[in-house]
Amino acid sequence: MTYQETLDRQRGRCVVCRRPPNGKPFHQDEKWLVCHDCRSGLTAFGRDRERLASATRFADALAL
């Protein structure tokens, strides 16, 4: 699938945060397009699901 086909499939938004690009191009990550901010976050967590889940629980607790 081409970049443009993927962009069309995702309706011009990041697959993670669902936002349009913020002035920086999307990263093509396997079969998805991910914005710079989400890609940075995923890279920081090393794609470790437990660390990401823990960060999500922490963010949820901050929102209370």
C-alpha atoms as a PDB file:
ATOM      1  CA  MET A   1       0.000   0.000   0.000  1.00  0.00           C
ATOM      2  CA  THR A   2       1.382   3.415  -0.906  1.00  0.00           C
ATOM      3  CA  TYR A   3       1.771   6.307   1.509  1.00  0.00           C
ATOM      4  CA  GLN A   4      -1.140   8.137  -0.128  1.00  0.00           C
ATOM      5  CA  GLU A   5      -3.397   5.063   0.012  1.00  0.00           C
ATOM      6  CA  THR A   6      -2.600   4.645   3.699  1.00  0.00           C
ATOM      7  CA  LEU A   7      -3.182   8.348   4.327  1.00  0.00           C
ATOM      8  CA  ASP A   8      -6.561   8.095   2.584  1.00  0.00           C
ATOM      9  CA  ARG A   9      -7.489   4.955   4.552  1.00  0.00           C
ATOM     10  CA  GLN A  10      -6.671   6.755   7.819  1.00  0.00           C
ATOM     11  CA  ARG A  11      -8.582   9.834   6.630  1.00  0.00           C
ATOM     12  CA  GLY A  12      -5.444  11.983   6.899  1.00  0.00           C
ATOM     13  CA  ARG A  13      -4.975  11.318  10.609  1.00  0.00           C
ATOM     14  CA  CYS A  14      -2.469   9.566  12.859  1.00  0.00           C
ATOM     15  CA  VAL A  15      -3.489   5.990  13.636  1.00  0.00           C
ATOM     16  CA  VAL A  16      -2.693   6.504  17.343  1.00  0.00           C
ATOM     17  CA  CYS A  17      -3.984   9.950  18.340  1.00  0.00           C
ATOM     18  CA  ARG A  18      -6.345  10.492  15.367  1.00  0.00           C
ATOM     19  CA  ARG A  19      -5.024  14.031  14.835  1.00  0.00           C
ATOM     20  CA  PRO A  20      -4.016  15.524  11.487  1.00  0.00           C
ATOM     21  CA  PRO A  21      -0.299  16.190  10.924  1.00  0.00           C
ATOM     22  CA  ASN A  22       1.100  18.988  13.086  1.00  0.00           C
ATOM     23  CA  GLY A  23       3.419  20.465  10.474  1.00  0.00           C
ATOM     24  CA  LYS A  24       5.679  17.423  10.371  1.00  0.00           C
ATOM     25  CA  PRO A  25       5.173  14.508   7.994  1.00  0.00           C
ATOM     26  CA  PHE A  26       3.787  11.222   9.244  1.00  0.00           C
ATOM     27  CA  HIS A  27       6.158   8.321   9.795  1.00  0.00           C
ATOM     28  CA  GLN A  28       5.230   5.202   7.874  1.00  0.00           C
ATOM     29  CA  ASP A  29       5.387   2.496  10.521  1.00  0.00           C
ATOM     30  CA  GLU A  30       4.896  -0.902   8.915  1.00  0.00           C
ATOM     31  CA  LYS A  31       1.370  -0.512   7.522  1.00  0.00           C
ATOM     32  CA  TRP A  32       0.279   2.582   9.451  1.00  0.00           C
ATOM     33  CA  LEU A  33       1.019   6.302   9.468  1.00  0.00           C
ATOM     34  CA  VAL A  34       1.986   7.740  12.844  1.00  0.00           C
ATOM     35  CA  CYS A  35       2.547  11.417  13.713  1.00  0.00           C
ATOM     36  CA  HIS A  36       5.877  12.654  15.011  1.00  0.00           C
ATOM     37  CA  ASP A  37       4.676  12.989  18.619  1.00  0.00           C
ATOM     38  CA  CYS A  38       3.166   9.500  18.787  1.00  0.00           C
ATOM     39  CA  ARG A  39       6.190   7.981  17.069  1.00  0.00           C
ATOM     40  CA  SER A  40       8.457   9.661  19.629  1.00  0.00           C
ATOM     41  CA  GLY A  41       6.346   8.271  22.463  1.00  0.00           C
ATOM     42  CA  LEU A  42       6.295   4.768  21.036  1.00  0.00           C
ATOM     43  CA  THR A  43      10.045   4.898  20.512  1.00  0.00           C
ATOM     44  CA  ALA A  44      10.600   6.116  24.082  1.00  0.00           C
ATOM     45  CA  PHE A  45       8.654   3.136  25.426  1.00  0.00           C
ATOM     46  CA  GLY A  46      10.521   0.748  23.172  1.00  0.00           C
ATOM     47  CA  ARG A  47       7.214  -0.808  22.156  1.00  0.00           C
ATOM     48  CA  ASP A  48       7.082  -2.405  25.592  1.00  0.00           C
ATOM     49  CA  ARG A  49       3.373  -2.986  26.178  1.00  0.00           C
ATOM     50  CA  GLU A  50       3.667  -3.201  29.957  1.00  0.00           C
ATOM     51  CA  ARG A  51       5.497   0.137  30.191  1.00  0.00           C
ATOM     52  CA  LEU A  52       2.948   1.708  27.865  1.00  0.00           C
ATOM     53  CA  ALA A  53       0.056   0.276  29.908  1.00  0.00           C
ATOM     54  CA  SER A  54       1.647   1.593  33.088  1.00  0.00           C
ATOM     55  CA  ALA A  55       2.029   5.052  31.546  1.00  0.00           C
ATOM     56  CA  THR A  56      -1.627   4.929  30.474  1.00  0.00           C
ATOM     57  CA  ARG A  57      -2.732   4.104  34.017  1.00  0.00           C
ATOM     58  CA  PHE A  58      -0.598   6.984  35.309  1.00  0.00           C
ATOM     59  CA  ALA A  59      -2.083   9.419  32.766  1.00  0.00           C
ATOM     60  CA  ASP A  60      -5.581   8.245  33.711  1.00  0.00           C
ATOM     61  CA  ALA A  61      -4.848   8.878  37.395  1.00  0.00           C
ATOM     62  CA  LEU A  62      -3.611  12.399  36.595  1.00  0.00           C
ATOM     63  CA  ALA A  63      -6.863  13.139  34.791  1.00  0.00           C
ATOM     64  CA  LEU A  64      -8.961  12.580  37.921  1.00  0.00           C
END
